[in-house]
Amino acid sequence: MKLKTKITNKLSTKLLGFLPILKAGVDELFEEIKEISKENPYIEVRNKRFVTVSNLKNANADEIEALTLSEETLYESLLKQIEDSNLFPTKRSKDIALEIIEDINNEGFFEGDEKEIAKRLGVDEEKVKRVRERFMYLNPAGVGAKDLKECMIFQLQNIDMPEDVYKLASEMITYLENIDKFVNEPKYKEAMKIIKQLNVVPAMEYIKDEEIIPEIIVLNIDGQLEIRINDEHYPEINVKDPENKNSFSKEKFKEARNIVDALEMRKATLKKIALMIVELQYEFFQGGVIKPMKIKDLADELEYAPSTISRAISNKYLLCDRGIIPLKNFFSIALDEDTSSNQIKEEIKNLIKNEDKNKPLSDDKLTEIINQKYNLNLVRRTISKYRDQLKIPTSRERKRIYKVGGEISF
């Protein structure tokens, strides 16, 4: 099956001011538009997601009690495993492991900086790496990995298989983008069968359904893939007609209509992206593996700016028969061809030179600013690595230096 689309649609100038609507997760849309409505008398917005007392009247006691019980979180589970496991026998290894879980996101991936953890605890960076590698023996399988490939490698450790199959599966994951080149290997089918069973989001079982609303639904009906946009949770917007026809009323009425158009643009953009993802990741939806794509390639195909694609996939999820997948997981994290690492390092230096000394820029903030300026999709650890290479202290350390009248040398 092939889904081919050639999109020539471009962002209308009048909608550029509403790009935050495109970037917001579906659970954030109501608040985003509610803020705009505070200054626009012609916008009425209502959240579809609400619970009234009458909804609970017919619920039995067990159902109500179940709603109030909190399940064990990923953090709590890891905390318990670290305390009880022989994997961390010394106080130092436990301290490192506890520091590591502070940097594990709700999907189960490690977003921290091993070098920074080593500095904080006064240990070697290699020691931190070795402790983090032991996470491959914790549950859920793949937790603590830095990225998709490492997540899959972690999971292999817990699967019983012949050594030659393990070696081939590891190599296939390492070269995931070109996995087809292994098709003639004697153990290819066995290795591929195992790889197909691996989770792409290690902690998905801990993410509560109400916390994630997938906007894209891909249904596999008798081998045919059908795409739907889940707009059931979009806020309802009513645009009131202005009583007066003065310039203020006309401007605000036009703004209100543009917001309605922006929501439609959001749905259309996500549908186009979904079509491309399904075409390029067809094998994944049929039980294969994800082949990392580049945002720039998708942007070129759809004739959108890379920044528009970045906004569109931010905080968005796709539901298929393999689970709920963050859209960002379909894309490899890499610098744009036109943006070198040296250029990023120069930008880091310039930002820190001009930062507020009372509130130095964190690596998270640096990442946000640079991604927005250069239309990139870098992660924090990349920026942390570049900052370390420039021998620039962390924001916490810089604040201490500034307090005593010191300066940062570059």
Protein backbone atom coordinates (compact mmCIF):
# COMPACT_ATOMS: atom_id res chain seq x y z
CA MET A 1 0.00 0.00 0.00
CA LYS A 2 1.22 3.48 -0.87
CA LEU A 3 -0.12 6.79 0.32
CA LYS A 4 1.31 9.50 -1.94
CA THR A 5 0.66 13.16 -1.37
CA LYS A 6 2.15 16.28 -2.89
CA ILE A 7 1.29 19.28 -0.78
CA THR A 8 1.75 22.82 -2.06
CA ASN A 9 -0.22 24.54 0.66
CA LYS A 10 1.70 27.17 2.64
CA LEU A 11 0.94 29.06 5.81
CA SER A 12 -1.25 32.07 5.26
CA THR A 13 0.27 35.30 6.55
CA LYS A 14 -2.83 36.03 8.63
CA LEU A 15 -2.30 32.76 10.54
CA LEU A 16 1.35 33.25 11.43
CA GLY A 17 0.34 34.91 14.70
CA PHE A 18 -1.45 31.71 15.73
CA LEU A 19 1.47 29.31 15.43
CA PRO A 20 1.21 28.63 19.19
CA ILE A 21 -2.11 26.91 18.40
CA LEU A 22 -0.24 24.59 16.05
CA LYS A 23 2.46 23.88 18.61
CA ALA A 24 0.19 23.32 21.63
CA GLY A 25 -0.77 19.81 22.64
CA VAL A 26 -4.47 19.06 22.32
CA ASP A 27 -4.79 19.23 26.11
CA GLU A 28 -3.32 22.77 26.00
CA LEU A 29 -5.53 24.14 23.22
CA PHE A 30 -8.37 25.27 25.48
CA GLU A 31 -6.08 27.33 27.73
CA GLU A 32 -4.26 28.78 24.70
CA ILE A 33 -7.48 30.01 23.11
CA LYS A 34 -8.98 30.99 26.46
CA GLU A 35 -6.10 33.44 26.94
CA ILE A 36 -6.80 35.01 23.53
CA SER A 37 -10.53 35.21 24.29
CA LYS A 38 -9.83 37.34 27.39
CA GLU A 39 -8.91 40.21 25.07
CA ASN A 40 -11.45 39.44 22.37
CA PRO A 41 -15.15 39.94 23.19
CA TYR A 42 -16.26 38.03 20.08
CA ILE A 43 -14.77 34.68 21.07
CA GLU A 44 -16.68 32.20 23.19
CA VAL A 45 -14.70 29.06 23.98
CA ARG A 46 -15.86 25.93 25.79
CA ASN A 47 -13.82 22.90 26.76
CA LYS A 48 -15.41 19.64 25.66
CA ARG A 49 -13.56 17.79 28.40
CA PHE A 50 -15.53 18.41 31.58
CA VAL A 51 -17.04 16.35 34.37
CA THR A 52 -20.26 17.32 36.14
CA VAL A 53 -21.76 16.03 39.36
CA SER A 54 -24.49 14.32 37.32
CA ASN A 55 -21.82 12.25 35.56
CA LEU A 56 -20.94 10.69 38.91
CA LYS A 57 -24.47 10.12 40.21
CA ASN A 58 -24.83 6.77 38.48
CA ALA A 59 -21.31 5.57 39.30
CA ASN A 60 -21.07 2.87 41.95
CA ALA A 61 -18.82 3.13 45.00
CA ASP A 62 -16.13 0.86 43.54
CA GLU A 63 -15.86 3.00 40.40
CA ILE A 64 -15.58 6.21 42.40
CA GLU A 65 -12.99 4.65 44.72
CA ALA A 66 -11.00 3.44 41.70
CA LEU A 67 -10.88 6.99 40.39
CA THR A 68 -9.34 8.22 43.64
CA LEU A 69 -6.68 5.51 43.96
CA SER A 70 -3.28 6.55 42.66
CA GLU A 71 -1.32 3.91 40.80
CA GLU A 72 2.40 3.47 41.26
CA THR A 73 4.28 5.97 39.12
CA LEU A 74 7.37 5.23 37.04
CA TYR A 75 9.48 7.22 39.50
CA GLU A 76 8.13 5.26 42.48
CA SER A 77 8.72 1.96 40.70
CA LEU A 78 12.33 2.83 39.86
CA LEU A 79 12.93 4.12 43.38
CA LYS A 80 11.76 0.83 44.84
CA GLN A 81 13.81 -1.24 42.40
CA ILE A 82 16.97 0.74 43.15
CA GLU A 83 16.51 0.29 46.89
CA ASP A 84 15.78 -3.44 46.64
CA SER A 85 18.05 -4.51 43.78
CA ASN A 86 21.54 -5.99 44.07
CA LEU A 87 22.44 -4.04 40.93
CA PHE A 88 23.38 -1.07 43.13
CA PRO A 89 25.16 -2.68 46.11
CA THR A 90 27.07 0.36 47.39
CA LYS A 91 25.85 3.70 48.72
CA ARG A 92 27.68 5.46 45.89
CA SER A 93 26.06 3.39 43.14
CA LYS A 94 22.65 3.93 44.76
CA ASP A 95 23.25 7.69 44.98
CA ILE A 96 24.18 7.78 41.29
CA ALA A 97 21.13 5.71 40.33
CA LEU A 98 18.85 7.99 42.35
CA GLU A 99 20.35 11.01 40.60
CA ILE A 100 19.80 9.37 37.21
CA ILE A 101 16.08 8.76 37.76
CA GLU A 102 15.62 12.49 38.39
CA ASP A 103 16.47 12.96 34.70
CA ILE A 104 14.20 10.23 33.31
CA ASN A 105 11.16 11.66 31.52
CA ASN A 106 7.63 10.26 31.65
CA GLU A 107 8.32 8.14 28.56
CA GLY A 108 11.20 6.42 30.35
CA PHE A 109 14.08 8.05 28.46
CA PHE A 110 17.13 9.57 30.17
CA GLU A 111 17.39 13.28 29.35
CA GLY A 112 20.17 14.22 31.73
CA ASP A 113 23.89 14.81 31.35
CA GLU A 114 26.17 12.11 32.75
CA LYS A 115 29.08 14.53 33.01
CA GLU A 116 26.98 16.98 35.04
CA ILE A 117 25.81 14.20 37.38
CA ALA A 118 29.43 13.13 37.84
CA LYS A 119 30.40 16.69 38.79
CA ARG A 120 27.55 17.02 41.28
CA LEU A 121 28.41 13.76 43.02
CA GLY A 122 32.19 14.04 42.72
CA VAL A 123 32.62 10.79 40.78
CA ASP A 124 34.05 9.81 37.40
CA GLU A 125 31.79 10.18 34.38
CA GLU A 126 32.55 6.56 33.46
CA LYS A 127 31.11 5.46 36.81
CA VAL A 128 27.85 7.27 36.04
CA LYS A 129 27.71 5.63 32.60
CA ARG A 130 28.26 2.17 34.09
CA VAL A 131 25.51 2.69 36.66
CA ARG A 132 23.08 3.94 34.00
CA GLU A 133 23.84 0.89 31.85
CA ARG A 134 22.60 -1.30 34.72
CA PHE A 135 19.16 0.21 34.15
CA MET A 136 18.84 -2.23 31.24
CA TYR A 137 18.04 -4.87 33.87
CA LEU A 138 15.26 -2.78 35.48
CA ASN A 139 11.59 -2.63 34.58
CA PRO A 140 10.07 -1.46 32.35
CA ALA A 141 12.49 -2.84 29.76
CA GLY A 142 14.40 -0.06 28.02
CA VAL A 143 14.03 2.48 30.82
CA GLY A 144 16.99 4.83 31.26
CA ALA A 145 18.05 4.68 27.62
CA LYS A 146 19.07 7.91 25.89
CA ASP A 147 17.31 7.26 22.60
CA LEU A 148 15.31 4.74 20.58
CA LYS A 149 18.32 2.67 19.50
CA GLU A 150 19.72 2.35 23.01
CA CYS A 151 16.22 1.58 24.30
CA MET A 152 16.02 -1.36 21.91
CA ILE A 153 19.55 -2.55 22.81
CA PHE A 154 18.61 -2.43 26.50
CA GLN A 155 15.59 -4.64 25.83
CA LEU A 156 17.67 -7.24 23.99
CA GLN A 157 19.53 -7.96 27.23
CA ASN A 158 16.37 -9.42 28.76
CA ILE A 159 15.47 -11.72 25.87
CA ASP A 160 16.79 -15.26 25.69
CA MET A 161 18.25 -15.92 22.22
CA PRO A 162 21.26 -17.57 20.56
CA GLU A 163 24.44 -15.47 20.59
CA ASP A 164 24.59 -15.15 16.79
CA VAL A 165 21.00 -13.85 16.70
CA TYR A 166 21.79 -11.36 19.48
CA LYS A 167 24.84 -10.02 17.61
CA LEU A 168 22.88 -9.61 14.38
CA ALA A 169 19.91 -7.95 16.13
CA SER A 170 22.29 -5.50 17.87
CA GLU A 171 23.94 -4.61 14.58
CA MET A 172 20.58 -4.20 12.83
CA ILE A 173 19.47 -1.78 15.55
CA THR A 174 22.74 0.15 15.31
CA TYR A 175 22.12 0.64 11.58
CA LEU A 176 18.36 0.98 11.90
CA GLU A 177 18.12 3.48 9.04
CA ASN A 178 19.55 0.87 6.64
CA ILE A 179 18.14 -2.27 8.23
CA ASP A 180 17.21 -3.74 4.84
CA LYS A 181 20.89 -4.30 4.02
CA PHE A 182 20.88 -7.25 6.44
CA VAL A 183 18.10 -9.11 4.61
CA ASN A 184 20.47 -11.75 3.23
CA GLU A 185 21.99 -12.60 6.61
CA PRO A 186 21.27 -16.23 7.64
CA LYS A 187 19.64 -15.22 10.95
CA TYR A 188 17.80 -12.17 9.58
CA LYS A 189 14.27 -13.53 10.10
CA GLU A 190 14.96 -14.59 13.69
CA ALA A 191 16.56 -11.24 14.54
CA MET A 192 13.79 -9.27 12.83
CA LYS A 193 11.11 -11.19 14.71
CA ILE A 194 12.71 -10.16 18.01
CA ILE A 195 13.20 -6.52 16.96
CA LYS A 196 9.52 -6.23 16.02
CA GLN A 197 8.57 -7.16 19.59
CA LEU A 198 10.56 -4.32 21.17
CA ASN A 199 8.83 -1.27 22.65
CA VAL A 200 9.58 2.14 21.20
CA VAL A 201 8.41 3.93 24.36
CA PRO A 202 9.73 2.05 27.42
CA ALA A 203 7.39 3.53 30.05
CA MET A 204 4.15 3.63 28.06
CA GLU A 205 2.40 1.40 30.63
CA TYR A 206 2.96 4.11 33.26
CA ILE A 207 1.52 6.93 31.21
CA LYS A 208 -2.11 7.33 32.22
CA ASP A 209 -4.63 7.42 29.40
CA GLU A 210 -6.00 10.76 30.59
CA GLU A 211 -2.56 12.35 30.38
CA ILE A 212 -2.17 11.58 26.67
CA ILE A 213 -4.70 12.33 23.97
CA PRO A 214 -3.51 11.03 20.58
CA GLU A 215 -4.45 13.43 17.80
CA ILE A 216 -3.64 11.00 14.99
CA ILE A 217 -5.26 7.57 14.85
CA VAL A 218 -3.96 4.97 12.39
CA LEU A 219 -6.27 1.98 11.95
CA ASN A 220 -5.12 -1.24 10.30
CA ILE A 221 -8.22 -2.67 8.63
CA ASP A 222 -7.49 -5.89 6.76
CA GLY A 223 -4.00 -4.68 5.91
CA GLN A 224 -5.19 -1.26 4.74
CA LEU A 225 -4.15 1.75 6.82
CA GLU A 226 -6.78 4.37 7.57
CA ILE A 227 -5.89 7.76 9.09
CA ARG A 228 -8.17 9.78 11.33
CA ILE A 229 -7.62 13.06 13.14
CA ASN A 230 -8.99 12.89 16.68
CA ASP A 231 -10.59 16.32 17.12
CA GLU A 232 -13.07 15.21 19.79
CA HIS A 233 -11.07 17.09 22.44
CA TYR A 234 -10.70 20.31 20.46
CA PRO A 235 -12.36 23.25 22.25
CA GLU A 236 -15.66 24.49 20.86
CA ILE A 237 -15.43 28.05 19.56
CA ASN A 238 -18.36 30.33 18.89
CA VAL A 239 -17.69 33.61 17.06
CA LYS A 240 -20.24 36.28 18.00
CA ASP A 241 -21.31 38.89 15.46
CA PRO A 242 -20.21 42.41 16.40
CA GLU A 243 -22.98 44.85 17.25
CA ASN A 244 -20.82 47.82 16.31
CA LYS A 245 -18.95 48.21 13.03
CA ASN A 246 -16.09 50.37 14.28
CA SER A 247 -12.44 49.55 13.50
CA PHE A 248 -11.86 47.82 16.86
CA SER A 249 -14.87 45.52 16.38
CA LYS A 250 -13.84 44.68 12.82
CA GLU A 251 -10.28 43.86 13.89
CA LYS A 252 -11.35 41.65 16.80
CA PHE A 253 -14.00 39.89 14.73
CA LYS A 254 -11.40 39.16 12.07
CA GLU A 255 -9.05 37.83 14.76
CA ALA A 256 -11.81 35.55 16.05
CA ARG A 257 -12.44 34.15 12.57
CA ASN A 258 -8.70 33.62 12.13
CA ILE A 259 -8.59 31.46 15.26
CA VAL A 260 -11.27 29.20 13.80
CA ASP A 261 -9.20 29.05 10.61
CA ALA A 262 -6.09 28.29 12.67
CA LEU A 263 -7.78 25.25 14.24
CA GLU A 264 -8.76 24.00 10.79
CA MET A 265 -5.20 24.61 9.59
CA ARG A 266 -3.95 22.60 12.54
CA LYS A 267 -6.09 19.62 11.59
CA ALA A 268 -5.11 19.88 7.92
CA THR A 269 -1.40 20.11 8.74
CA LEU A 270 -1.55 17.09 11.06
CA LYS A 271 -3.42 15.11 8.40
CA LYS A 272 -0.70 15.87 5.83
CA ILE A 273 2.03 14.90 8.28
CA ALA A 274 0.15 11.72 9.17
CA LEU A 275 -0.12 10.76 5.50
CA MET A 276 3.63 11.18 5.05
CA ILE A 277 4.47 9.27 8.24
CA VAL A 278 2.26 6.36 7.21
CA GLU A 279 3.79 6.30 3.72
CA LEU A 280 7.39 6.44 4.95
CA GLN A 281 6.83 4.21 7.99
CA TYR A 282 4.48 1.73 6.32
CA GLU A 283 6.54 -1.27 7.45
CA PHE A 284 6.39 -0.10 11.09
CA PHE A 285 2.59 -0.04 11.03
CA GLN A 286 2.66 -3.58 9.62
CA GLY A 287 4.84 -4.82 12.50
CA GLY A 288 8.28 -3.67 11.34
CA VAL A 289 10.66 -1.15 12.91
CA ILE A 290 10.77 2.64 12.87
CA LYS A 291 13.14 4.09 10.30
CA PRO A 292 14.23 7.53 11.58
CA MET A 293 13.21 10.39 9.28
CA LYS A 294 14.53 13.94 9.06
CA ILE A 295 12.26 16.89 9.72
CA LYS A 296 13.87 18.74 6.80
CA ASP A 297 12.93 15.96 4.36
CA LEU A 298 9.31 16.03 5.47
CA ALA A 299 9.26 19.84 5.33
CA ASP A 300 10.62 19.79 1.76
CA GLU A 301 8.04 17.22 0.68
CA LEU A 302 5.14 19.16 2.19
CA GLU A 303 6.61 22.55 1.21
CA TYR A 304 6.47 23.83 4.77
CA ALA A 305 9.27 25.43 6.77
CA PRO A 306 11.07 22.96 9.07
CA SER A 307 9.98 25.12 12.01
CA THR A 308 6.33 24.53 11.09
CA ILE A 309 6.87 20.76 11.07
CA SER A 310 8.71 21.00 14.40
CA ARG A 311 5.78 22.87 15.92
CA ALA A 312 3.27 20.46 14.43
CA ILE A 313 4.91 17.33 15.90
CA SER A 314 5.68 18.91 19.27
CA ASN A 315 3.58 17.41 22.12
CA LYS A 316 1.58 15.30 19.64
CA TYR A 317 0.86 11.57 19.77
CA LEU A 318 -0.24 8.89 17.33
CA LEU A 319 -2.39 5.89 18.27
CA CYS A 320 -2.03 2.63 16.35
CA ASP A 321 -2.32 -1.06 17.16
CA ARG A 322 1.25 -0.92 18.51
CA GLY A 323 0.36 1.64 21.15
CA ILE A 324 0.55 5.40 21.60
CA ILE A 325 3.67 6.82 19.94
CA PRO A 326 5.02 10.40 20.32
CA LEU A 327 5.36 11.88 16.82
CA LYS A 328 8.92 12.96 17.63
CA ASN A 329 9.91 9.27 17.87
CA PHE A 330 9.54 8.97 14.11
CA PHE A 331 12.24 11.57 13.53
CA SER A 332 15.99 11.34 13.99
CA ILE A 333 17.56 14.15 16.02
CA ALA A 334 20.19 15.74 13.84
CA LEU A 335 21.51 19.16 12.93
CA ASP A 336 20.14 20.67 9.77
CA GLU A 337 22.55 20.41 6.83
CA ASP A 338 22.92 24.17 6.78
CA THR A 339 23.61 24.46 10.50
CA SER A 340 27.01 23.32 11.75
CA SER A 341 27.92 22.42 15.31
CA ASN A 342 30.34 25.37 15.29
CA GLN A 343 27.46 27.71 14.51
CA ILE A 344 25.47 26.30 17.42
CA LYS A 345 28.47 26.70 19.74
CA GLU A 346 28.83 30.35 18.71
CA GLU A 347 25.16 30.89 19.45
CA ILE A 348 25.57 29.32 22.91
CA LYS A 349 28.47 31.69 23.63
CA ASN A 350 26.52 34.74 22.46
CA LEU A 351 23.45 33.82 24.50
CA ILE A 352 25.47 33.29 27.67
CA LYS A 353 27.47 36.50 27.13
CA ASN A 354 24.21 38.46 27.11
CA GLU A 355 22.26 36.49 29.73
CA ASP A 356 20.69 37.99 32.85
CA LYS A 357 23.31 37.44 35.56
CA ASN A 358 20.57 37.12 38.18
CA LYS A 359 18.91 34.36 36.18
CA PRO A 360 21.42 32.54 33.95
CA LEU A 361 20.06 30.50 31.07
CA SER A 362 19.62 26.81 31.84
CA ASP A 363 20.51 24.19 29.23
CA ASP A 364 16.76 23.63 28.74
CA LYS A 365 16.26 27.32 27.95
CA LEU A 366 19.29 27.41 25.64
CA THR A 367 17.88 24.41 23.78
CA GLU A 368 14.47 26.06 23.42
CA ILE A 369 15.94 29.33 22.08
CA ILE A 370 18.32 27.63 19.63
CA ASN A 371 15.70 25.21 18.31
CA GLN A 372 13.31 28.08 17.67
CA LYS A 373 15.93 30.29 16.00
CA TYR A 374 17.44 27.63 13.75
CA ASN A 375 14.35 25.49 13.14
CA LEU A 376 16.02 22.49 14.79
CA ASN A 377 14.89 19.66 17.01
CA LEU A 378 17.93 19.30 19.26
CA VAL A 379 17.69 17.77 22.72
CA ARG A 380 19.10 19.26 25.88
CA ARG A 381 21.99 16.84 26.18
CA THR A 382 23.36 18.03 22.80
CA ILE A 383 23.44 21.62 24.04
CA SER A 384 24.95 20.47 27.35
CA LYS A 385 27.67 18.63 25.42
CA TYR A 386 28.52 21.72 23.34
CA ARG A 387 28.55 23.91 26.45
CA ASP A 388 30.96 21.48 28.14
CA GLN A 389 33.19 21.49 25.05
CA LEU A 390 33.31 25.29 25.30
CA LYS A 391 34.32 24.86 28.99
CA ILE A 392 31.37 27.00 30.08
CA PRO A 393 30.04 26.21 33.59
CA THR A 394 26.42 25.17 34.22
CA SER A 395 23.79 27.83 34.93
CA ARG A 396 23.98 27.00 38.64
CA GLU A 397 27.76 27.42 38.67
CA ARG A 398 27.59 30.62 36.59
CA LYS A 399 25.13 32.14 39.07
CA ARG A 400 27.59 31.54 41.90
CA ILE A 401 30.38 33.14 39.84
CA TYR A 402 28.25 36.19 39.04
CA LYS A 403 27.28 36.64 42.70
CA VAL A 404 30.91 37.20 43.70
CA GLY A 405 31.47 39.60 40.81
CA GLY A 406 33.17 37.07 38.55
CA GLU A 407 32.93 36.78 34.77
CA ILE A 408 32.72 33.82 32.40
CA SER A 409 35.72 33.49 30.10
CA PHE A 410 35.27 32.10 26.59
